[in-house]
Amino acid sequence: MARSLKKGPYVDEKLMKKVTARKAGGEAIKTWARRSQIAPEFVGYTFLVHTGNKFDEVSVNEDMVGHRLGEFAPSTRFVRHGGKMQKEIEMAAKASEIATAQAAKATATTTAAKKK
């Protein structure tokens, strides 16, 4: 659910203090406040947003105002969907890649033999 309009946007107090103390375009601001909304004062700053094990760099522009910092630093990584069909598709792609490599090697050896 959206936050009540009478409360206003949630911006972490510590984060706002850090932003007002620094100049735009300077050193990146390290933060763990993923739930903090991006205020118009944040435009031009670079944040290092914590993802759980590392910090992702987020450069704020005008289009990001109103969104949360965590939206631009994903905390989970998509690997792939598993299953038998996916495995078959990957094996077919690998086999075709090997076949093209072998064909390229064969043509290279035949052209080298013709030159001699």
C-alpha atoms as a PDB file:
ATOM      1  CA  MET A   1       0.000   0.000   0.000  1.00  0.00           C
ATOM      2  CA  ALA A   2       1.049   3.552  -0.618  1.00  0.00           C
ATOM      3  CA  ARG A   3       1.982   5.832   2.245  1.00  0.00           C
ATOM      4  CA  SER A   4      -0.689   8.262   3.433  1.00  0.00           C
ATOM      5  CA  LEU A   5      -0.475  11.672   1.762  1.00  0.00           C
ATOM      6  CA  LYS A   6      -0.810  13.512   5.072  1.00  0.00           C
ATOM      7  CA  LYS A   7       2.384  11.819   6.335  1.00  0.00           C
ATOM      8  CA  GLY A   8       4.415  12.734   3.272  1.00  0.00           C
ATOM      9  CA  PRO A   9       7.229  10.713   1.682  1.00  0.00           C
ATOM     10  CA  TYR A  10       9.549   8.677   3.905  1.00  0.00           C
ATOM     11  CA  VAL A  11      13.139   9.869   3.693  1.00  0.00           C
ATOM     12  CA  ASP A  12      15.680   8.534   6.180  1.00  0.00           C
ATOM     13  CA  GLU A  13      16.880  11.360   8.461  1.00  0.00           C
ATOM     14  CA  LYS A  14      20.534  10.224   8.487  1.00  0.00           C
ATOM     15  CA  LEU A  15      20.541  10.010   4.704  1.00  0.00           C
ATOM     16  CA  MET A  16      19.112  13.509   4.360  1.00  0.00           C
ATOM     17  CA  LYS A  17      21.813  14.867   6.715  1.00  0.00           C
ATOM     18  CA  LYS A  18      24.524  13.201   4.616  1.00  0.00           C
ATOM     19  CA  VAL A  19      23.100  14.713   1.414  1.00  0.00           C
ATOM     20  CA  THR A  20      22.885  18.242   2.827  1.00  0.00           C
ATOM     21  CA  ALA A  21      26.457  17.990   4.141  1.00  0.00           C
ATOM     22  CA  ARG A  22      27.987  16.997   0.760  1.00  0.00           C
ATOM     23  CA  LYS A  23      28.183  18.528  -2.693  1.00  0.00           C
ATOM     24  CA  ALA A  24      26.462  16.967  -5.710  1.00  0.00           C
ATOM     25  CA  GLY A  25      28.739  14.966  -7.991  1.00  0.00           C
ATOM     26  CA  GLY A  26      31.270  14.362  -5.229  1.00  0.00           C
ATOM     27  CA  GLU A  27      32.029  11.200  -3.316  1.00  0.00           C
ATOM     28  CA  ALA A  28      29.343   8.475  -3.235  1.00  0.00           C
ATOM     29  CA  ILE A  29      27.127   8.263  -0.145  1.00  0.00           C
ATOM     30  CA  LYS A  30      27.057   4.824   1.469  1.00  0.00           C
ATOM     31  CA  THR A  31      23.629   3.798   2.801  1.00  0.00           C
ATOM     32  CA  TRP A  32      21.650   0.848   4.110  1.00  0.00           C
ATOM     33  CA  ALA A  33      18.320   2.746   3.848  1.00  0.00           C
ATOM     34  CA  ARG A  34      16.822   0.860   0.888  1.00  0.00           C
ATOM     35  CA  ARG A  35      13.269   1.843   1.923  1.00  0.00           C
ATOM     36  CA  SER A  36      13.981   5.569   1.759  1.00  0.00           C
ATOM     37  CA  GLN A  37      12.231   7.420  -1.042  1.00  0.00           C
ATOM     38  CA  ILE A  38      14.277   9.501  -3.439  1.00  0.00           C
ATOM     39  CA  ALA A  39      13.677  13.185  -2.758  1.00  0.00           C
ATOM     40  CA  PRO A  40      14.234  15.962  -5.326  1.00  0.00           C
ATOM     41  CA  GLU A  41      17.288  17.045  -3.275  1.00  0.00           C
ATOM     42  CA  PHE A  42      18.986  13.720  -4.144  1.00  0.00           C
ATOM     43  CA  VAL A  43      19.208  14.456  -7.903  1.00  0.00           C
ATOM     44  CA  GLY A  44      22.828  14.499  -9.034  1.00  0.00           C
ATOM     45  CA  TYR A  45      24.149  12.457  -6.104  1.00  0.00           C
ATOM     46  CA  THR A  46      25.566   8.950  -6.246  1.00  0.00           C
ATOM     47  CA  PHE A  47      24.582   6.446  -3.570  1.00  0.00           C
ATOM     48  CA  LEU A  48      26.109   3.109  -2.630  1.00  0.00           C
ATOM     49  CA  VAL A  49      23.006   1.077  -1.694  1.00  0.00           C
ATOM     50  CA  HIS A  50      23.511  -2.106   0.350  1.00  0.00           C
ATOM     51  CA  THR A  51      22.125  -5.273  -1.310  1.00  0.00           C
ATOM     52  CA  GLY A  52      22.773  -7.719   1.495  1.00  0.00           C
ATOM     53  CA  ASN A  53      26.393  -8.614   0.753  1.00  0.00           C
ATOM     54  CA  LYS A  54      27.742  -5.727  -1.327  1.00  0.00           C
ATOM     55  CA  PHE A  55      26.976  -2.130  -2.284  1.00  0.00           C
ATOM     56  CA  ASP A  56      25.528  -1.239  -5.699  1.00  0.00           C
ATOM     57  CA  GLU A  57      26.177   2.211  -7.144  1.00  0.00           C
ATOM     58  CA  VAL A  58      23.029   4.207  -7.937  1.00  0.00           C
ATOM     59  CA  SER A  59      23.298   7.581  -9.693  1.00  0.00           C
ATOM     60  CA  VAL A  60      20.085   9.526  -9.101  1.00  0.00           C
ATOM     61  CA  ASN A  61      18.422  11.454 -11.939  1.00  0.00           C
ATOM     62  CA  GLU A  62      15.103  13.316 -12.186  1.00  0.00           C
ATOM     63  CA  ASP A  63      13.113  10.279 -13.349  1.00  0.00           C
ATOM     64  CA  MET A  64      13.867   8.427 -10.098  1.00  0.00           C
ATOM     65  CA  VAL A  65      12.240  10.971  -7.765  1.00  0.00           C
ATOM     66  CA  GLY A  66       9.450   9.326  -5.738  1.00  0.00           C
ATOM     67  CA  HIS A  67      10.823   5.802  -6.104  1.00  0.00           C
ATOM     68  CA  ARG A  68      12.686   3.899  -3.393  1.00  0.00           C
ATOM     69  CA  LEU A  69      16.472   3.476  -3.372  1.00  0.00           C
ATOM     70  CA  GLY A  70      16.103  -0.312  -3.131  1.00  0.00           C
ATOM     71  CA  GLU A  71      14.331  -0.462  -6.490  1.00  0.00           C
ATOM     72  CA  PHE A  72      17.563   0.395  -8.279  1.00  0.00           C
ATOM     73  CA  ALA A  73      19.813  -2.039  -6.361  1.00  0.00           C
ATOM     74  CA  PRO A  74      18.364  -5.562  -6.692  1.00  0.00           C
ATOM     75  CA  SER A  75      19.081  -7.777  -3.710  1.00  0.00           C
ATOM     76  CA  THR A  76      18.429 -11.083  -5.475  1.00  0.00           C
ATOM     77  CA  ARG A  77      20.037 -12.425  -8.626  1.00  0.00           C
ATOM     78  CA  PHE A  78      18.082 -14.408 -11.220  1.00  0.00           C
ATOM     79  CA  VAL A  79      20.019 -17.506 -12.267  1.00  0.00           C
ATOM     80  CA  ARG A  80      17.628 -19.319 -14.595  1.00  0.00           C
ATOM     81  CA  HIS A  81      14.552 -21.482 -14.582  1.00  0.00           C
ATOM     82  CA  GLY A  82      15.449 -25.131 -14.271  1.00  0.00           C
ATOM     83  CA  GLY A  83      13.790 -28.242 -15.548  1.00  0.00           C
ATOM     84  CA  LYS A  84      14.249 -30.856 -18.212  1.00  0.00           C
ATOM     85  CA  MET A  85      13.244 -28.641 -21.152  1.00  0.00           C
ATOM     86  CA  GLN A  86      15.688 -25.895 -20.236  1.00  0.00           C
ATOM     87  CA  LYS A  87      18.505 -28.420 -19.942  1.00  0.00           C
ATOM     88  CA  GLU A  88      17.685 -29.863 -23.379  1.00  0.00           C
ATOM     89  CA  ILE A  89      17.673 -26.383 -24.931  1.00  0.00           C
ATOM     90  CA  GLU A  90      21.073 -25.582 -23.401  1.00  0.00           C
ATOM     91  CA  MET A  91      22.551 -28.898 -24.579  1.00  0.00           C
ATOM     92  CA  ALA A  92      21.277 -28.298 -28.142  1.00  0.00           C
ATOM     93  CA  ALA A  93      22.763 -24.798 -28.167  1.00  0.00           C
ATOM     94  CA  LYS A  94      26.090 -26.128 -26.908  1.00  0.00           C
ATOM     95  CA  ALA A  95      26.108 -28.910 -29.556  1.00  0.00           C
ATOM     96  CA  SER A  96      25.430 -26.426 -32.375  1.00  0.00           C
ATOM     97  CA  GLU A  97      28.191 -24.163 -31.057  1.00  0.00           C
ATOM     98  CA  ILE A  98      30.656 -27.075 -31.094  1.00  0.00           C
ATOM     99  CA  ALA A  99      29.564 -28.058 -34.627  1.00  0.00           C
ATOM    100  CA  THR A 100      30.143 -24.551 -35.974  1.00  0.00           C
ATOM    101  CA  ALA A 101      33.549 -24.402 -34.324  1.00  0.00           C
ATOM    102  CA  GLN A 102      34.533 -27.736 -35.883  1.00  0.00           C
ATOM    103  CA  ALA A 103      33.279 -26.609 -39.311  1.00  0.00           C
ATOM    104  CA  ALA A 104      35.309 -23.404 -39.068  1.00  0.00           C
ATOM    105  CA  LYS A 105      38.394 -25.383 -38.086  1.00  0.00           C
ATOM    106  CA  ALA A 106      37.893 -27.805 -41.012  1.00  0.00           C
ATOM    107  CA  THR A 107      37.607 -24.960 -43.549  1.00  0.00           C
ATOM    108  CA  ALA A 108      40.713 -23.316 -42.111  1.00  0.00           C
ATOM    109  CA  THR A 109      42.737 -26.538 -42.540  1.00  0.00           C
ATOM    110  CA  THR A 110      41.503 -27.067 -46.133  1.00  0.00           C
ATOM    111  CA  THR A 111      42.437 -23.514 -47.152  1.00  0.00           C
ATOM    112  CA  ALA A 112      45.850 -23.952 -45.551  1.00  0.00           C
ATOM    113  CA  ALA A 113      46.334 -27.232 -47.485  1.00  0.00           C
ATOM    114  CA  LYS A 114      45.338 -25.575 -50.798  1.00  0.00           C
ATOM    115  CA  LYS A 115      47.882 -22.786 -50.329  1.00  0.00           C
ATOM    116  CA  LYS A 116      50.728 -25.290 -50.120  1.00  0.00           C
END
